[in-house]
N, C-alpha and C. Protein backbone atom coordinates (compact mmCIF):
# COMPACT_ATOMS: atom_id res chain seq x y z
N MET A 1 44.58 111.37 -1.27
CA MET A 1 45.49 112.16 -2.27
C MET A 1 46.65 112.23 -0.87
N PRO A 2 47.60 112.37 -1.36
CA PRO A 2 48.82 112.25 -0.40
C PRO A 2 48.81 113.54 0.21
N ARG A 3 49.28 113.83 1.59
CA ARG A 3 49.67 115.39 2.22
C ARG A 3 51.51 115.40 2.38
N ALA A 4 51.69 116.75 1.89
CA ALA A 4 52.90 116.83 2.20
C ALA A 4 53.14 117.85 3.74
N HIS A 5 53.83 117.54 4.32
CA HIS A 5 53.79 118.41 5.59
C HIS A 5 55.31 119.26 5.63
N LEU A 6 55.14 120.35 5.72
CA LEU A 6 56.44 121.29 5.82
C LEU A 6 56.85 121.76 6.81
N MET A 7 57.84 122.07 6.95
CA MET A 7 58.63 122.73 8.04
C MET A 7 58.47 123.78 8.20
N THR A 8 58.62 124.63 9.24
CA THR A 8 58.40 126.49 9.19
C THR A 8 59.13 126.77 8.01
N PRO A 9 60.72 126.64 7.65
CA PRO A 9 61.14 127.72 6.90
C PRO A 9 60.62 127.34 5.32
N HIS A 10 59.94 126.55 5.34
CA HIS A 10 59.45 125.84 3.79
C HIS A 10 57.95 126.86 3.91
N ARG A 11 57.45 127.20 4.79
CA ARG A 11 56.25 127.74 4.64
C ARG A 11 55.97 129.26 4.14
N ARG A 12 56.94 129.94 4.01
CA ARG A 12 57.21 131.04 3.36
C ARG A 12 56.94 131.07 2.12
N PHE A 13 56.95 129.90 1.55
CA PHE A 13 56.21 129.79 0.13
C PHE A 13 54.64 129.82 -0.12
N THR A 14 54.11 129.32 0.87
CA THR A 14 52.87 128.87 0.84
C THR A 14 51.89 129.64 1.83
N GLY A 15 52.46 130.86 2.38
CA GLY A 15 51.62 131.78 2.80
C GLY A 15 51.48 130.93 4.50
N GLY A 16 52.39 130.26 4.88
CA GLY A 16 52.13 129.89 6.27
C GLY A 16 51.46 128.48 6.52
N GLU A 17 50.88 128.00 5.16
CA GLU A 17 50.49 126.63 5.09
C GLU A 17 51.28 125.63 5.42
N GLY A 18 51.07 124.54 6.49
CA GLY A 18 52.10 123.70 6.91
C GLY A 18 51.58 122.22 6.37
N VAL A 19 50.29 121.85 5.89
CA VAL A 19 49.97 120.78 5.43
C VAL A 19 49.31 121.09 4.18
N ILE A 20 49.63 120.27 3.13
CA ILE A 20 49.02 120.37 1.71
C ILE A 20 48.78 119.40 1.18
N GLU A 21 47.55 119.31 0.52
CA GLU A 21 47.27 118.11 0.23
C GLU A 21 47.62 117.91 -1.61
N VAL A 22 48.74 117.20 -1.84
CA VAL A 22 49.20 117.27 -3.47
C VAL A 22 49.33 116.23 -4.03
N ASP A 23 48.66 116.23 -5.03
CA ASP A 23 49.02 114.76 -6.23
C ASP A 23 50.30 114.35 -6.42
N GLY A 24 50.27 113.17 -6.81
CA GLY A 24 51.82 112.70 -7.01
C GLY A 24 51.67 111.19 -6.72
N ALA A 25 52.52 110.40 -7.50
CA ALA A 25 52.61 108.82 -6.85
C ALA A 25 54.10 108.83 -6.46
N THR A 26 55.22 109.44 -6.81
CA THR A 26 56.29 109.41 -6.02
C THR A 26 56.46 110.87 -5.33
N VAL A 27 57.60 110.92 -4.33
CA VAL A 27 57.96 111.80 -3.95
C VAL A 27 58.30 112.96 -4.80
N GLY A 28 59.07 112.56 -5.78
CA GLY A 28 59.64 113.65 -6.77
C GLY A 28 58.30 114.35 -7.61
N ALA A 29 57.04 113.62 -7.91
CA ALA A 29 55.89 114.07 -8.37
C ALA A 29 55.73 114.98 -7.16
N MET A 30 55.19 114.87 -6.39
CA MET A 30 54.86 115.68 -5.40
C MET A 30 55.35 116.74 -5.30
N ILE A 31 56.81 117.08 -5.27
CA ILE A 31 57.64 118.11 -5.24
C ILE A 31 57.32 118.71 -6.73
N ALA A 32 57.22 118.30 -7.54
CA ALA A 32 56.97 119.14 -9.08
C ALA A 32 55.56 119.92 -8.70
N GLU A 33 54.63 119.05 -8.26
CA GLU A 33 53.45 119.57 -8.09
C GLU A 33 53.69 120.91 -6.95
N LEU A 34 54.01 120.44 -6.06
CA LEU A 34 54.38 121.51 -4.90
C LEU A 34 54.85 122.84 -5.91
N ASP A 35 56.24 122.62 -6.82
CA ASP A 35 56.63 123.74 -7.06
C ASP A 35 56.05 124.49 -8.08
N ARG A 36 55.22 123.81 -9.04
CA ARG A 36 54.18 124.50 -9.72
C ARG A 36 53.06 125.59 -9.31
N ARG A 37 52.54 124.89 -7.89
CA ARG A 37 51.53 125.86 -7.39
C ARG A 37 52.45 126.74 -6.41
N PHE A 38 53.42 126.54 -5.96
CA PHE A 38 54.28 127.66 -5.14
C PHE A 38 55.67 127.59 -5.60
N PRO A 39 55.93 128.32 -6.67
CA PRO A 39 57.60 128.46 -7.57
C PRO A 39 58.39 128.86 -6.52
N GLY A 40 59.47 128.05 -6.21
CA GLY A 40 60.90 128.23 -5.15
C GLY A 40 60.50 127.06 -4.33
N LEU A 41 59.52 126.69 -4.17
CA LEU A 41 59.02 125.68 -2.75
C LEU A 41 60.14 124.30 -3.39
N GLY A 42 59.75 124.20 -4.72
CA GLY A 42 60.58 122.83 -5.09
C GLY A 42 62.25 122.61 -5.07
N GLU A 43 62.92 123.67 -5.26
CA GLU A 43 64.15 123.80 -5.08
C GLU A 43 64.47 123.83 -3.33
N MET A 44 63.91 124.29 -2.84
CA MET A 44 64.19 124.39 -1.61
C MET A 44 64.01 122.73 -0.79
N LEU A 45 62.84 121.76 -1.45
CA LEU A 45 62.89 120.49 -1.42
C LEU A 45 63.69 119.69 -2.10
N THR A 46 64.70 120.15 -2.60
CA THR A 46 65.49 118.98 -3.36
C THR A 46 67.00 119.17 -3.11
N LYS A 47 67.42 120.46 -2.63
CA LYS A 47 68.37 120.87 -2.28
C LYS A 47 68.98 120.84 -0.83
N GLY A 48 69.11 119.35 -0.72
CA GLY A 48 69.59 118.85 1.15
C GLY A 48 68.70 119.07 1.93
N ALA A 49 67.51 118.64 1.46
CA ALA A 49 66.03 118.23 2.36
C ALA A 49 66.04 116.94 2.38
N SER A 50 65.29 116.41 3.41
CA SER A 50 64.81 114.90 3.29
C SER A 50 63.79 114.78 3.35
N ALA A 51 63.07 113.54 3.48
CA ALA A 51 61.63 113.39 3.45
C ALA A 51 61.35 111.89 4.58
N ALA A 52 60.66 112.19 5.43
CA ALA A 52 59.90 111.06 6.08
C ALA A 52 58.65 110.46 5.07
N VAL A 53 58.91 109.01 4.68
CA VAL A 53 57.58 108.22 4.09
C VAL A 53 57.49 107.03 4.87
N ASP A 54 56.48 106.81 5.29
CA ASP A 54 55.85 105.88 6.15
C ASP A 54 57.11 105.56 7.57
N GLY A 55 57.32 106.68 8.17
CA GLY A 55 58.10 106.41 9.10
C GLY A 55 59.61 106.47 8.96
N LEU A 56 60.09 106.16 7.60
CA LEU A 56 61.24 106.18 7.52
C LEU A 56 61.84 107.62 6.74
N ILE A 57 62.84 107.97 7.37
CA ILE A 57 63.62 109.06 6.62
C ILE A 57 64.41 109.10 5.36
N HIS A 58 64.05 109.45 4.38
CA HIS A 58 65.09 109.16 3.31
C HIS A 58 66.16 110.53 2.86
N ALA A 59 67.08 110.44 2.64
CA ALA A 59 67.98 111.43 2.24
C ALA A 59 67.75 111.98 0.57
N GLU A 60 67.27 110.91 -0.16
CA GLU A 60 67.49 111.24 -1.29
C GLU A 60 65.83 110.47 -1.88
N PRO A 61 64.92 111.14 -1.85
CA PRO A 61 63.35 110.39 -1.64
C PRO A 61 63.03 110.60 -2.95
N GLU A 62 63.36 111.49 -3.92
CA GLU A 62 62.83 111.66 -5.35
C GLU A 62 61.81 110.74 -5.88
N TYR A 63 62.68 109.45 -5.88
CA TYR A 63 61.93 108.15 -6.65
C TYR A 63 61.42 107.45 -5.81
N LEU A 64 60.71 107.58 -4.67
CA LEU A 64 59.85 106.94 -3.79
C LEU A 64 58.55 106.69 -3.75
N ALA A 65 57.95 105.66 -3.99
CA ALA A 65 56.42 105.53 -4.48
C ALA A 65 55.67 105.96 -3.20
N VAL A 66 54.75 107.08 -3.19
CA VAL A 66 53.83 107.00 -1.91
C VAL A 66 52.34 106.69 -2.76
N ASP A 67 51.58 106.23 -1.24
CA ASP A 67 50.35 105.50 -1.32
C ASP A 67 49.58 106.94 -1.68
N PRO A 68 48.09 106.80 -2.10
CA PRO A 68 47.45 108.01 -2.28
C PRO A 68 46.92 108.67 -0.83
N ASP A 69 47.22 107.62 0.24
CA ASP A 69 46.86 108.32 1.70
C ASP A 69 48.09 108.48 2.41
N ALA A 70 49.10 108.64 1.64
CA ALA A 70 50.15 108.89 2.49
C ALA A 70 50.59 110.19 2.98
N ASP A 71 51.16 110.35 4.54
CA ASP A 71 51.91 111.48 4.84
C ASP A 71 53.19 111.58 4.42
N VAL A 72 53.58 112.71 3.72
CA VAL A 72 55.18 112.70 3.66
C VAL A 72 55.73 113.77 4.10
N TYR A 73 56.72 113.79 5.26
CA TYR A 73 57.31 115.06 5.96
C TYR A 73 58.21 115.12 5.38
N PHE A 74 58.54 116.85 4.93
CA PHE A 74 59.95 117.04 4.41
C PHE A 74 60.59 117.87 5.55
N VAL A 75 61.81 117.53 5.95
CA VAL A 75 63.05 117.80 6.83
C VAL A 75 63.94 118.92 6.11
N ALA A 76 63.78 120.44 6.62
CA ALA A 76 64.71 121.22 6.22
C ALA A 76 66.04 120.54 6.84
N PRO A 77 67.48 120.72 6.19
CA PRO A 77 68.50 120.19 6.52
C PRO A 77 68.57 121.22 7.80
N LEU A 78 69.76 120.76 8.64
CA LEU A 78 69.90 120.96 9.91
C LEU A 78 71.26 121.92 9.95
N THR A 79 71.45 122.93 10.50
CA THR A 79 72.83 123.20 10.68
C THR A 79 73.12 123.49 11.96
N GLY A 80 74.85 124.05 12.13
CA GLY A 80 75.27 124.24 13.60
C GLY A 80 76.23 123.10 14.11
N GLY A 81 76.45 123.09 15.15
CA GLY A 81 77.80 122.67 15.29
C GLY A 81 78.15 121.90 16.60
């Protein structure tokens, strides 16, 4: 089952859990399942966040296919100047 790796700002929805096994054939399906389990997390993962799949960062990853043993790293948007 794919694993979602969450940054610290995302973990407020999961009770501090940083790595979650979640079903999904695409990044978007993973996000939908995460939102079902942790309401509000899906919106945070789709608004400005990026995801790294197979070592490549994607700014709009919702339609990317993921393998059953994939590690998907969700990256919160960075701010500052």
